């Protein structure tokens, strides 16, 4: 076992669940116990970085320093080609409200666009106190659907159709999503690095 305890630095229960599934499916020996950060403390880390990597590092460092435990954090976003990469770094806060509000904003912005190409991007930061910080990036390419479909996942999942599939992330099973997602791509790179 690489880590006895590992904190997932997010307040998003859906993201925590997804990370747990990705970790377990990629490696049985990565972490014995995977902890949802709000279960051990209450802390909000301001995402003041100018990139996904900087924001992921800020969260991982803050939580690992507070807890004294290894911590995995991510920052991710949806990048839409017709919108010059928006919402990108501001995907979670492009507009006030819940996921439905953000999806409505996106579909409104794309109402007259024929180019629906997009990708999810993620940066993962693994912070081990007093030892090292490891950063990786992952991507998943696809297109934006005309309307939301599916009930699984969170965020923009109901409108993102990954390349090679005809269903949105929210329609696909979690096992399929966790094999092809941007977070899975980035996490496999962490595993690969640590094995070296």
C-alpha atoms as a PDB file:
ATOM      1  CA  UNK A   1       0.000   0.000   0.000  1.00  0.00           C
ATOM      2  CA  UNK A   2       1.446   3.383  -1.024  1.00  0.00           C
ATOM      3  CA  UNK A   3      -0.613   5.398   1.475  1.00  0.00           C
ATOM      4  CA  UNK A   4      -2.425   4.289   4.612  1.00  0.00           C
ATOM      5  CA  UNK A   5      -4.690   7.367   4.507  1.00  0.00           C
ATOM      6  CA  UNK A   6      -5.350   9.741   1.622  1.00  0.00           C
ATOM      7  CA  UNK A   7      -7.477  12.891   1.691  1.00  0.00           C
ATOM      8  CA  UNK A   8      -9.482  13.928  -1.355  1.00  0.00           C
ATOM      9  CA  UNK A   9      -9.514  17.733  -1.135  1.00  0.00           C
ATOM     10  CA  UNK A  10     -12.964  18.592  -2.384  1.00  0.00           C
ATOM     11  CA  UNK A  11     -16.267  19.633  -0.881  1.00  0.00           C
ATOM     12  CA  UNK A  12     -18.092  18.081  -3.837  1.00  0.00           C
ATOM     13  CA  UNK A  13     -19.504  14.693  -2.796  1.00  0.00           C
ATOM     14  CA  UNK A  14     -19.933  13.646  -6.431  1.00  0.00           C
ATOM     15  CA  UNK A  15     -16.291  14.363  -7.190  1.00  0.00           C
ATOM     16  CA  UNK A  16     -15.191  12.496  -4.047  1.00  0.00           C
ATOM     17  CA  UNK A  17     -17.209   9.453  -5.081  1.00  0.00           C
ATOM     18  CA  UNK A  18     -15.769   9.612  -8.595  1.00  0.00           C
ATOM     19  CA  UNK A  19     -12.200   9.872  -7.310  1.00  0.00           C
ATOM     20  CA  UNK A  20     -12.715   6.933  -4.966  1.00  0.00           C
ATOM     21  CA  UNK A  21     -13.996   4.804  -7.836  1.00  0.00           C
ATOM     22  CA  UNK A  22     -11.128   5.870 -10.123  1.00  0.00           C
ATOM     23  CA  UNK A  23      -8.503   5.119  -7.479  1.00  0.00           C
ATOM     24  CA  UNK A  24      -9.972   1.711  -6.655  1.00  0.00           C
ATOM     25  CA  UNK A  25     -10.315   0.733 -10.310  1.00  0.00           C
ATOM     26  CA  UNK A  26      -6.785   1.854 -11.236  1.00  0.00           C
ATOM     27  CA  UNK A  27      -4.898   0.512  -8.242  1.00  0.00           C
ATOM     28  CA  UNK A  28      -5.741  -1.728  -5.305  1.00  0.00           C
ATOM     29  CA  UNK A  29      -2.565  -0.612  -3.582  1.00  0.00           C
ATOM     30  CA  UNK A  30      -2.764   3.180  -3.762  1.00  0.00           C
ATOM     31  CA  UNK A  31      -4.580   3.982  -0.519  1.00  0.00           C
ATOM     32  CA  UNK A  32      -5.966   1.907   2.308  1.00  0.00           C
ATOM     33  CA  UNK A  33      -8.417   4.612   3.433  1.00  0.00           C
ATOM     34  CA  UNK A  34      -9.745   7.395   1.207  1.00  0.00           C
ATOM     35  CA  UNK A  35     -11.076  10.338   3.215  1.00  0.00           C
ATOM     36  CA  UNK A  36     -13.580  13.010   2.128  1.00  0.00           C
ATOM     37  CA  UNK A  37     -11.971  16.289   3.279  1.00  0.00           C
ATOM     38  CA  UNK A  38     -15.094  17.792   4.973  1.00  0.00           C
ATOM     39  CA  UNK A  39     -15.221  14.734   7.249  1.00  0.00           C
ATOM     40  CA  UNK A  40     -12.050  15.836   9.051  1.00  0.00           C
ATOM     41  CA  UNK A  41     -12.162  19.640   8.897  1.00  0.00           C
ATOM     42  CA  UNK A  42     -13.928  22.669   7.485  1.00  0.00           C
ATOM     43  CA  UNK A  43     -11.767  24.737   5.190  1.00  0.00           C
ATOM     44  CA  UNK A  44     -12.278  26.763   2.023  1.00  0.00           C
ATOM     45  CA  UNK A  45      -9.230  27.277  -0.157  1.00  0.00           C
ATOM     46  CA  UNK A  46      -9.447  30.285  -2.462  1.00  0.00           C
ATOM     47  CA  UNK A  47      -8.759  29.226  -6.039  1.00  0.00           C
ATOM     48  CA  UNK A  48      -6.619  32.208  -6.966  1.00  0.00           C
ATOM     49  CA  UNK A  49      -4.342  30.364  -9.390  1.00  0.00           C
ATOM     50  CA  UNK A  50      -4.088  31.273 -13.056  1.00  0.00           C
ATOM     51  CA  UNK A  51      -4.209  27.633 -14.192  1.00  0.00           C
ATOM     52  CA  UNK A  52      -5.788  24.322 -13.233  1.00  0.00           C
ATOM     53  CA  UNK A  53      -2.400  23.160 -11.929  1.00  0.00           C
ATOM     54  CA  UNK A  54      -1.955  26.188  -9.662  1.00  0.00           C
ATOM     55  CA  UNK A  55      -5.432  25.779  -8.169  1.00  0.00           C
ATOM     56  CA  UNK A  56      -4.923  22.040  -7.624  1.00  0.00           C
ATOM     57  CA  UNK A  57      -1.598  22.717  -5.888  1.00  0.00           C
ATOM     58  CA  UNK A  58      -3.147  25.369  -3.635  1.00  0.00           C
ATOM     59  CA  UNK A  59      -5.825  22.927  -2.448  1.00  0.00           C
ATOM     60  CA  UNK A  60      -3.516  19.931  -2.054  1.00  0.00           C
ATOM     61  CA  UNK A  61      -0.899  21.926  -0.123  1.00  0.00           C
ATOM     62  CA  UNK A  62      -3.441  23.568   2.197  1.00  0.00           C
ATOM     63  CA  UNK A  63      -5.142  20.295   3.086  1.00  0.00           C
ATOM     64  CA  UNK A  64      -1.959  18.266   3.501  1.00  0.00           C
ATOM     65  CA  UNK A  65      -0.479  20.946   5.762  1.00  0.00           C
ATOM     66  CA  UNK A  66      -3.653  21.155   7.840  1.00  0.00           C
ATOM     67  CA  UNK A  67      -4.053  17.388   8.234  1.00  0.00           C
ATOM     68  CA  UNK A  68      -0.478  16.148   8.053  1.00  0.00           C
ATOM     69  CA  UNK A  69      -1.707  13.510   5.596  1.00  0.00           C
ATOM     70  CA  UNK A  70      -1.140  12.900   1.880  1.00  0.00           C
ATOM     71  CA  UNK A  71      -3.714  14.778  -0.129  1.00  0.00           C
ATOM     72  CA  UNK A  72      -5.030  14.543  -3.690  1.00  0.00           C
ATOM     73  CA  UNK A  73      -6.690  17.629  -5.180  1.00  0.00           C
ATOM     74  CA  UNK A  74      -7.836  18.559  -8.630  1.00  0.00           C
ATOM     75  CA  UNK A  75      -8.954  21.517 -10.624  1.00  0.00           C
ATOM     76  CA  UNK A  76     -10.779  20.923 -13.845  1.00  0.00           C
ATOM     77  CA  UNK A  77     -12.910  22.571 -16.445  1.00  0.00           C
ATOM     78  CA  UNK A  78     -14.808  22.266 -19.684  1.00  0.00           C
ATOM     79  CA  UNK A  79     -13.150  23.945 -22.653  1.00  0.00           C
ATOM     80  CA  UNK A  80     -15.408  24.635 -25.636  1.00  0.00           C
ATOM     81  CA  UNK A  81     -13.714  25.413 -28.932  1.00  0.00           C
ATOM     82  CA  UNK A  82     -16.405  27.757 -30.276  1.00  0.00           C
ATOM     83  CA  UNK A  83     -16.176  29.771 -27.050  1.00  0.00           C
ATOM     84  CA  UNK A  84     -12.388  30.153 -27.267  1.00  0.00           C
ATOM     85  CA  UNK A  85     -11.890  27.651 -24.462  1.00  0.00           C
ATOM     86  CA  UNK A  86     -14.569  29.012 -22.123  1.00  0.00           C
ATOM     87  CA  UNK A  87     -15.808  28.331 -19.519  1.00  0.00           C
ATOM     88  CA  UNK A  88     -12.421  26.716 -18.798  1.00  0.00           C
ATOM     89  CA  UNK A  89     -10.875  27.738 -15.495  1.00  0.00           C
ATOM     90  CA  UNK A  90     -14.187  29.346 -14.476  1.00  0.00           C
ATOM     91  CA  UNK A  91     -16.385  26.320 -15.272  1.00  0.00           C
ATOM     92  CA  UNK A  92     -17.660  25.995 -11.705  1.00  0.00           C
ATOM     93  CA  UNK A  93     -18.311  29.724 -11.287  1.00  0.00           C
ATOM     94  CA  UNK A  94     -19.075  31.034 -14.770  1.00  0.00           C
ATOM     95  CA  UNK A  95     -22.566  31.865 -13.560  1.00  0.00           C
ATOM     96  CA  UNK A  96     -24.355  31.828 -10.200  1.00  0.00           C
ATOM     97  CA  UNK A  97     -26.544  28.892  -9.318  1.00  0.00           C
ATOM     98  CA  UNK A  98     -26.540  25.127  -9.642  1.00  0.00           C
ATOM     99  CA  UNK A  99     -25.357  22.797 -12.402  1.00  0.00           C
ATOM    100  CA  UNK A 100     -28.598  23.297 -14.348  1.00  0.00           C
ATOM    101  CA  UNK A 101     -27.944  27.044 -14.498  1.00  0.00           C
ATOM    102  CA  UNK A 102     -24.436  26.492 -15.850  1.00  0.00           C
ATOM    103  CA  UNK A 103     -25.685  24.034 -18.475  1.00  0.00           C
ATOM    104  CA  UNK A 104     -28.397  26.489 -19.549  1.00  0.00           C
ATOM    105  CA  UNK A 105     -25.769  29.215 -19.906  1.00  0.00           C
ATOM    106  CA  UNK A 106     -23.572  26.946 -22.032  1.00  0.00           C
ATOM    107  CA  UNK A 107     -26.365  25.834 -24.352  1.00  0.00           C
ATOM    108  CA  UNK A 108     -27.493  29.444 -24.772  1.00  0.00           C
ATOM    109  CA  UNK A 109     -23.947  30.468 -25.740  1.00  0.00           C
ATOM    110  CA  UNK A 110     -23.817  27.647 -28.307  1.00  0.00           C
ATOM    111  CA  UNK A 111     -27.316  28.176 -29.707  1.00  0.00           C
ATOM    112  CA  UNK A 112     -26.078  29.376 -33.114  1.00  0.00           C
ATOM    113  CA  UNK A 113     -22.820  27.421 -33.229  1.00  0.00           C
ATOM    114  CA  UNK A 114     -22.297  24.389 -35.452  1.00  0.00           C
ATOM    115  CA  UNK A 115     -18.891  23.582 -33.954  1.00  0.00           C
ATOM    116  CA  UNK A 116     -19.675  21.711 -30.728  1.00  0.00           C
ATOM    117  CA  UNK A 117     -16.156  20.361 -30.117  1.00  0.00           C
ATOM    118  CA  UNK A 118     -15.009  20.464 -26.503  1.00  0.00           C
ATOM    119  CA  UNK A 119     -12.774  18.787 -24.008  1.00  0.00           C
ATOM    120  CA  UNK A 120     -12.635  18.286 -20.281  1.00  0.00           C
ATOM    121  CA  UNK A 121      -9.260  19.131 -18.756  1.00  0.00           C
ATOM    122  CA  UNK A 122      -8.020  18.240 -15.284  1.00  0.00           C
ATOM    123  CA  UNK A 123      -4.893  18.844 -13.251  1.00  0.00           C
ATOM    124  CA  UNK A 124      -4.242  16.616 -10.247  1.00  0.00           C
ATOM    125  CA  UNK A 125      -1.923  17.552  -7.411  1.00  0.00           C
ATOM    126  CA  UNK A 126      -0.682  14.938  -4.964  1.00  0.00           C
ATOM    127  CA  UNK A 127       0.882  16.542  -1.902  1.00  0.00           C
ATOM    128  CA  UNK A 128       2.794  14.386   0.582  1.00  0.00           C
ATOM    129  CA  UNK A 129       3.757  16.503   3.633  1.00  0.00           C
ATOM    130  CA  UNK A 130       7.475  17.268   3.899  1.00  0.00           C
ATOM    131  CA  UNK A 131       8.226  15.026   0.916  1.00  0.00           C
ATOM    132  CA  UNK A 132       6.922  16.042  -2.512  1.00  0.00           C
ATOM    133  CA  UNK A 133       4.225  17.558  -4.691  1.00  0.00           C
ATOM    134  CA  UNK A 134       3.335  15.727  -7.899  1.00  0.00           C
ATOM    135  CA  UNK A 135       1.292  17.365 -10.687  1.00  0.00           C
ATOM    136  CA  UNK A 136      -0.312  15.644 -13.691  1.00  0.00           C
ATOM    137  CA  UNK A 137      -2.778  16.662 -16.400  1.00  0.00           C
ATOM    138  CA  UNK A 138      -5.468  14.706 -18.182  1.00  0.00           C
ATOM    139  CA  UNK A 139      -7.983  15.324 -20.962  1.00  0.00           C
ATOM    140  CA  UNK A 140     -11.122  13.841 -22.446  1.00  0.00           C
ATOM    141  CA  UNK A 141     -12.296  15.027 -25.863  1.00  0.00           C
ATOM    142  CA  UNK A 142     -15.856  15.129 -27.129  1.00  0.00           C
ATOM    143  CA  UNK A 143     -18.766  17.319 -28.224  1.00  0.00           C
ATOM    144  CA  UNK A 144     -21.544  19.289 -26.557  1.00  0.00           C
ATOM    145  CA  UNK A 145     -25.050  17.860 -26.942  1.00  0.00           C
ATOM    146  CA  UNK A 146     -28.006  20.010 -28.015  1.00  0.00           C
ATOM    147  CA  UNK A 147     -29.791  19.298 -24.728  1.00  0.00           C
ATOM    148  CA  UNK A 148     -28.986  17.646 -21.397  1.00  0.00           C
ATOM    149  CA  UNK A 149     -29.442  13.891 -21.093  1.00  0.00           C
ATOM    150  CA  UNK A 150     -28.843  11.458 -18.247  1.00  0.00           C
ATOM    151  CA  UNK A 151     -28.903  11.578 -14.468  1.00  0.00           C
ATOM    152  CA  UNK A 152     -25.445  10.308 -13.505  1.00  0.00           C
ATOM    153  CA  UNK A 153     -22.428  12.439 -12.713  1.00  0.00           C
ATOM    154  CA  UNK A 154     -22.406  16.163 -11.991  1.00  0.00           C
ATOM    155  CA  UNK A 155     -21.438  19.493 -13.518  1.00  0.00           C
ATOM    156  CA  UNK A 156     -21.553  19.511 -17.318  1.00  0.00           C
ATOM    157  CA  UNK A 157     -21.778  15.712 -17.596  1.00  0.00           C
ATOM    158  CA  UNK A 158     -25.354  15.765 -19.022  1.00  0.00           C
ATOM    159  CA  UNK A 159     -24.227  17.682 -22.131  1.00  0.00           C
ATOM    160  CA  UNK A 160     -20.769  16.208 -22.775  1.00  0.00           C
ATOM    161  CA  UNK A 161     -20.566  13.335 -25.274  1.00  0.00           C
ATOM    162  CA  UNK A 162     -17.078  11.781 -25.196  1.00  0.00           C
ATOM    163  CA  UNK A 163     -15.478  10.824 -28.500  1.00  0.00           C
ATOM    164  CA  UNK A 164     -16.336   7.268 -29.518  1.00  0.00           C
ATOM    165  CA  UNK A 165     -19.689   7.277 -27.704  1.00  0.00           C
ATOM    166  CA  UNK A 166     -23.224   8.354 -28.513  1.00  0.00           C
ATOM    167  CA  UNK A 167     -24.229   9.017 -24.923  1.00  0.00           C
ATOM    168  CA  UNK A 168     -23.349  11.808 -22.518  1.00  0.00           C
ATOM    169  CA  UNK A 169     -21.202  11.257 -19.441  1.00  0.00           C
ATOM    170  CA  UNK A 170     -24.441  11.437 -17.442  1.00  0.00           C
ATOM    171  CA  UNK A 171     -25.920   8.555 -19.459  1.00  0.00           C
ATOM    172  CA  UNK A 172     -22.846   6.324 -19.307  1.00  0.00           C
ATOM    173  CA  UNK A 173     -22.174   4.032 -16.369  1.00  0.00           C
ATOM    174  CA  UNK A 174     -19.697   5.291 -13.803  1.00  0.00           C
ATOM    175  CA  UNK A 175     -17.370   2.393 -14.640  1.00  0.00           C
ATOM    176  CA  UNK A 176     -17.114   3.531 -18.273  1.00  0.00           C
ATOM    177  CA  UNK A 177     -16.772   7.205 -17.392  1.00  0.00           C
ATOM    178  CA  UNK A 178     -14.056   6.420 -14.865  1.00  0.00           C
ATOM    179  CA  UNK A 179     -12.027   4.657 -17.548  1.00  0.00           C
ATOM    180  CA  UNK A 180     -12.121   7.485 -20.091  1.00  0.00           C
ATOM    181  CA  UNK A 181     -12.492  10.704 -18.097  1.00  0.00           C
ATOM    182  CA  UNK A 182      -9.985  13.522 -17.780  1.00  0.00           C
ATOM    183  CA  UNK A 183      -9.508  12.730 -14.087  1.00  0.00           C
ATOM    184  CA  UNK A 184      -8.839   9.058 -14.838  1.00  0.00           C
ATOM    185  CA  UNK A 185      -6.290  10.084 -17.464  1.00  0.00           C
ATOM    186  CA  UNK A 186      -4.502  12.349 -14.986  1.00  0.00           C
ATOM    187  CA  UNK A 187      -4.640   9.780 -12.177  1.00  0.00           C
ATOM    188  CA  UNK A 188      -3.140   7.008 -14.322  1.00  0.00           C
ATOM    189  CA  UNK A 189      -0.189   9.340 -14.895  1.00  0.00           C
ATOM    190  CA  UNK A 190       0.270   9.652 -11.132  1.00  0.00           C
ATOM    191  CA  UNK A 191       0.278   5.861 -10.790  1.00  0.00           C
ATOM    192  CA  UNK A 192       2.749   5.549 -13.648  1.00  0.00           C
ATOM    193  CA  UNK A 193       5.090   8.121 -12.089  1.00  0.00           C
ATOM    194  CA  UNK A 194       5.002   6.546  -8.623  1.00  0.00           C
ATOM    195  CA  UNK A 195       5.719   3.096 -10.052  1.00  0.00           C
ATOM    196  CA  UNK A 196       8.942   4.446 -11.551  1.00  0.00           C
END
